[in-house]
Amino acid sequence: MMRDREQGRVTREQGAERTEELLRSVLQKVGDQPEVDRDLWPAMLRRFDEESLHRVSRVPWFDWALASGLVAFAAIAPRTIPVILYYL
């Protein structure tokens, strides 16, 4: 009985040592360069500008198909326009 307890404690200690070793290896990678060498905000502004230029082309084709279907349906049955506007 005592031997089982010791064996369980040894296994837990080995698991704890392995976990500690893994954590140390990961934390060393994070600690290598604690601060960024340059300011990231101008790069983010450029990215926002690029996305705003291509915003229309990024709309999926099925959104355009749905919108055109709603317009066609409203043109065929104009009484449905208030219903469509209610659900938007």
N, C-alpha and C. Protein backbone atom coordinates (compact mmCIF):
# COMPACT_ATOMS: atom_id res chain seq x y z
N MET A 1 0.82 -1.18 0.00
CA MET A 1 0.00 0.00 0.00
C MET A 1 0.87 1.26 0.00
N MET A 2 1.88 1.27 0.83
CA MET A 2 2.78 2.42 0.92
C MET A 2 3.56 2.58 -0.37
N ARG A 3 3.88 1.47 -0.98
CA ARG A 3 4.65 1.49 -2.22
C ARG A 3 3.84 2.12 -3.36
N ASP A 4 2.53 1.85 -3.40
CA ASP A 4 1.64 2.44 -4.41
C ASP A 4 1.58 3.96 -4.26
N ARG A 5 1.51 4.43 -3.04
CA ARG A 5 1.48 5.87 -2.80
C ARG A 5 2.77 6.54 -3.27
N GLU A 6 3.88 5.92 -2.94
CA GLU A 6 5.17 6.48 -3.36
C GLU A 6 5.29 6.48 -4.88
N GLN A 7 4.82 5.43 -5.49
CA GLN A 7 4.89 5.33 -6.95
C GLN A 7 4.00 6.40 -7.60
N GLY A 8 2.82 6.64 -7.04
CA GLY A 8 1.94 7.69 -7.54
C GLY A 8 2.54 9.07 -7.38
N ARG A 9 3.21 9.29 -6.24
CA ARG A 9 3.84 10.58 -5.98
C ARG A 9 5.00 10.79 -6.95
N VAL A 10 5.76 9.76 -7.21
CA VAL A 10 6.88 9.86 -8.16
C VAL A 10 6.36 10.15 -9.56
N THR A 11 5.28 9.51 -9.95
CA THR A 11 4.70 9.74 -11.27
C THR A 11 4.20 11.18 -11.40
N ARG A 12 3.55 11.68 -10.35
CA ARG A 12 3.08 13.08 -10.36
C ARG A 12 4.25 14.04 -10.44
N GLU A 13 5.33 13.75 -9.70
CA GLU A 13 6.50 14.62 -9.73
C GLU A 13 7.13 14.62 -11.12
N GLN A 14 7.18 13.47 -11.77
CA GLN A 14 7.72 13.41 -13.13
C GLN A 14 6.84 14.19 -14.09
N GLY A 15 5.53 14.09 -13.92
CA GLY A 15 4.61 14.84 -14.77
C GLY A 15 4.76 16.34 -14.54
N ALA A 16 4.95 16.73 -13.27
CA ALA A 16 5.13 18.14 -12.95
C ALA A 16 6.44 18.66 -13.53
N GLU A 17 7.48 17.84 -13.47
CA GLU A 17 8.77 18.24 -14.05
C GLU A 17 8.66 18.39 -15.55
N ARG A 18 7.95 17.49 -16.20
CA ARG A 18 7.77 17.56 -17.65
C ARG A 18 6.97 18.81 -18.02
N THR A 19 5.93 19.10 -17.26
CA THR A 19 5.12 20.30 -17.52
C THR A 19 5.96 21.55 -17.33
N GLU A 20 6.76 21.57 -16.27
CA GLU A 20 7.62 22.72 -16.01
C GLU A 20 8.64 22.90 -17.14
N GLU A 21 9.18 21.80 -17.63
CA GLU A 21 10.14 21.86 -18.74
C GLU A 21 9.49 22.41 -20.01
N LEU A 22 8.28 21.97 -20.29
CA LEU A 22 7.56 22.47 -21.47
C LEU A 22 7.24 23.96 -21.33
N LEU A 23 6.80 24.37 -20.15
CA LEU A 23 6.50 25.79 -19.93
C LEU A 23 7.74 26.66 -20.08
N ARG A 24 8.84 26.19 -19.55
CA ARG A 24 10.09 26.96 -19.68
C ARG A 24 10.52 27.08 -21.13
N SER A 25 10.35 26.04 -21.91
CA SER A 25 10.76 26.11 -23.32
C SER A 25 9.88 27.09 -24.09
N VAL A 26 8.61 27.15 -23.75
CA VAL A 26 7.70 28.08 -24.43
C VAL A 26 7.97 29.51 -23.98
N LEU A 27 8.15 29.71 -22.69
CA LEU A 27 8.35 31.05 -22.17
C LEU A 27 9.68 31.65 -22.63
N GLN A 28 10.67 30.85 -22.91
CA GLN A 28 11.93 31.37 -23.42
C GLN A 28 11.72 31.98 -24.80
N LYS A 29 10.87 31.39 -25.61
CA LYS A 29 10.61 31.93 -26.93
C LYS A 29 9.91 33.28 -26.85
N VAL A 30 9.02 33.43 -25.90
CA VAL A 30 8.30 34.69 -25.74
C VAL A 30 9.24 35.76 -25.18
N GLY A 31 10.11 35.38 -24.30
CA GLY A 31 10.98 36.34 -23.64
C GLY A 31 12.17 36.78 -24.46
N ASP A 32 12.41 36.17 -25.63
CA ASP A 32 13.56 36.55 -26.43
C ASP A 32 13.49 37.99 -26.89
N GLN A 33 12.32 38.42 -27.31
CA GLN A 33 12.14 39.78 -27.81
C GLN A 33 10.90 40.38 -27.13
N PRO A 34 11.08 40.96 -25.96
CA PRO A 34 9.91 41.41 -25.21
C PRO A 34 9.18 42.59 -25.85
N GLU A 35 9.87 43.44 -26.58
CA GLU A 35 9.23 44.59 -27.21
C GLU A 35 9.46 44.56 -28.71
N VAL A 36 8.53 45.12 -29.43
CA VAL A 36 8.63 45.17 -30.88
C VAL A 36 9.58 46.29 -31.26
N ASP A 37 10.37 46.06 -32.31
CA ASP A 37 11.36 47.04 -32.74
C ASP A 37 10.74 48.26 -33.40
N ARG A 38 9.54 48.11 -33.94
CA ARG A 38 8.93 49.23 -34.66
C ARG A 38 7.48 49.38 -34.24
N ASP A 39 6.91 50.51 -34.63
CA ASP A 39 5.53 50.81 -34.30
C ASP A 39 4.61 50.10 -35.30
N LEU A 40 3.63 49.40 -34.82
CA LEU A 40 2.74 48.63 -35.68
C LEU A 40 1.54 49.42 -36.17
N TRP A 41 1.26 50.58 -35.57
CA TRP A 41 0.06 51.31 -35.93
C TRP A 41 0.06 51.79 -37.39
N PRO A 42 1.16 52.33 -37.95
CA PRO A 42 1.13 52.72 -39.37
C PRO A 42 0.84 51.54 -40.30
N ALA A 43 1.34 50.38 -39.97
CA ALA A 43 1.05 49.20 -40.79
C ALA A 43 -0.43 48.85 -40.72
N MET A 44 -1.03 49.00 -39.54
CA MET A 44 -2.46 48.73 -39.42
C MET A 44 -3.28 49.74 -40.23
N LEU A 45 -2.88 51.00 -40.20
CA LEU A 45 -3.59 52.02 -40.98
C LEU A 45 -3.51 51.71 -42.47
N ARG A 46 -2.33 51.29 -42.94
CA ARG A 46 -2.19 50.91 -44.36
C ARG A 46 -3.09 49.73 -44.70
N ARG A 47 -3.16 48.79 -43.80
CA ARG A 47 -4.01 47.62 -44.04
C ARG A 47 -5.48 48.01 -44.10
N PHE A 48 -5.91 48.90 -43.20
CA PHE A 48 -7.30 49.38 -43.24
C PHE A 48 -7.59 50.09 -44.55
N ASP A 49 -6.64 50.91 -45.01
CA ASP A 49 -6.84 51.63 -46.27
C ASP A 49 -6.95 50.66 -47.44
N GLU A 50 -6.10 49.63 -47.46
CA GLU A 50 -6.15 48.63 -48.53
C GLU A 50 -7.49 47.89 -48.52
N GLU A 51 -7.97 47.56 -47.33
CA GLU A 51 -9.25 46.85 -47.24
C GLU A 51 -10.41 47.73 -47.67
N SER A 52 -10.35 49.03 -47.35
CA SER A 52 -11.44 49.90 -47.74
C SER A 52 -11.48 50.10 -49.26
N LEU A 53 -10.33 50.01 -49.93
CA LEU A 53 -10.30 50.13 -51.38
C LEU A 53 -10.93 48.91 -52.06
N HIS A 54 -10.78 47.75 -51.46
CA HIS A 54 -11.27 46.51 -52.06
C HIS A 54 -12.54 46.01 -51.41
N ARG A 55 -13.22 46.85 -50.67
CA ARG A 55 -14.39 46.40 -49.92
C ARG A 55 -15.51 45.90 -50.83
N VAL A 56 -15.77 46.57 -51.96
CA VAL A 56 -16.86 46.17 -52.85
C VAL A 56 -16.56 44.81 -53.46
N SER A 57 -15.33 44.57 -53.82
CA SER A 57 -14.98 43.30 -54.45
C SER A 57 -14.96 42.15 -53.45
N ARG A 58 -14.93 42.44 -52.16
CA ARG A 58 -14.89 41.39 -51.16
C ARG A 58 -16.27 40.86 -50.79
N VAL A 59 -17.32 41.50 -51.30
CA VAL A 59 -18.67 41.02 -51.01
C VAL A 59 -18.88 39.74 -51.81
N PRO A 60 -19.27 38.65 -51.16
CA PRO A 60 -19.45 37.38 -51.87
C PRO A 60 -20.55 37.46 -52.94
N TRP A 61 -20.43 36.62 -53.92
CA TRP A 61 -21.36 36.64 -55.06
C TRP A 61 -22.78 36.33 -54.63
N PHE A 62 -22.94 35.47 -53.59
CA PHE A 62 -24.30 35.11 -53.19
C PHE A 62 -25.01 36.27 -52.50
N ASP A 63 -24.27 37.19 -51.90
CA ASP A 63 -24.91 38.39 -51.36
C ASP A 63 -25.47 39.26 -52.49
N TRP A 64 -24.68 39.38 -53.56
CA TRP A 64 -25.16 40.15 -54.72
C TRP A 64 -26.37 39.46 -55.34
N ALA A 65 -26.35 38.13 -55.41
CA ALA A 65 -27.47 37.39 -55.98
C ALA A 65 -28.72 37.57 -55.13
N LEU A 66 -28.58 37.53 -53.81
CA LEU A 66 -29.72 37.73 -52.93
C LEU A 66 -30.29 39.14 -53.07
N ALA A 67 -29.42 40.13 -53.13
CA ALA A 67 -29.88 41.51 -53.28
C ALA A 67 -30.60 41.70 -54.61
N SER A 68 -30.05 41.14 -55.68
CA SER A 68 -30.71 41.28 -56.98
C SER A 68 -32.03 40.51 -57.02
N GLY A 69 -32.10 39.39 -56.33
CA GLY A 69 -33.35 38.65 -56.24
C GLY A 69 -34.42 39.43 -55.50
N LEU A 70 -34.04 40.12 -54.43
CA LEU A 70 -34.99 40.95 -53.70
C LEU A 70 -35.49 42.11 -54.56
N VAL A 71 -34.58 42.73 -55.31
CA VAL A 71 -34.98 43.83 -56.19
C VAL A 71 -35.93 43.32 -57.27
N ALA A 72 -35.61 42.18 -57.86
CA ALA A 72 -36.47 41.61 -58.90
C ALA A 72 -37.84 41.24 -58.32
N PHE A 73 -37.86 40.66 -57.14
CA PHE A 73 -39.11 40.30 -56.50
C PHE A 73 -39.95 41.53 -56.19
N ALA A 74 -39.29 42.60 -55.72
CA ALA A 74 -40.00 43.84 -55.44
C ALA A 74 -40.53 44.47 -56.72
N ALA A 75 -39.81 44.32 -57.84
CA ALA A 75 -40.28 44.87 -59.11
C ALA A 75 -41.48 44.08 -59.63
N ILE A 76 -41.49 42.77 -59.42
CA ILE A 76 -42.59 41.92 -59.89
C ILE A 76 -43.82 42.10 -59.00
N ALA A 77 -43.61 42.15 -57.70
CA ALA A 77 -44.74 42.28 -56.75
C ALA A 77 -44.47 43.47 -55.84
N PRO A 78 -44.83 44.68 -56.24
CA PRO A 78 -44.52 45.88 -55.44
C PRO A 78 -45.19 45.91 -54.07
N ARG A 79 -46.24 45.16 -53.88
CA ARG A 79 -46.91 45.14 -52.58
C ARG A 79 -46.04 44.51 -51.49
N THR A 80 -45.02 43.79 -51.89
CA THR A 80 -44.15 43.12 -50.91
C THR A 80 -43.06 44.04 -50.37
N ILE A 81 -42.92 45.24 -50.92
CA ILE A 81 -41.86 46.14 -50.47
C ILE A 81 -41.97 46.46 -48.98
N PRO A 82 -43.15 46.81 -48.44
CA PRO A 82 -43.22 47.05 -46.98
C PRO A 82 -42.85 45.81 -46.16
N VAL A 83 -43.22 44.64 -46.65
CA VAL A 83 -42.87 43.41 -45.92
C VAL A 83 -41.38 43.20 -45.92
N ILE A 84 -40.73 43.41 -47.06
CA ILE A 84 -39.27 43.26 -47.16
C ILE A 84 -38.59 44.27 -46.24
N LEU A 85 -39.04 45.51 -46.25
CA LEU A 85 -38.45 46.53 -45.40
C LEU A 85 -38.69 46.23 -43.93
N TYR A 86 -39.81 45.63 -43.58
CA TYR A 86 -40.09 45.27 -42.20
C TYR A 86 -39.06 44.24 -41.69
N TYR A 87 -38.72 43.26 -42.52
CA TYR A 87 -37.80 42.20 -42.10
C TYR A 87 -36.34 42.59 -42.22
N LEU A 88 -36.05 43.73 -42.84
CA LEU A 88 -34.66 44.18 -42.88
C LEU A 88 -34.37 44.88 -41.58
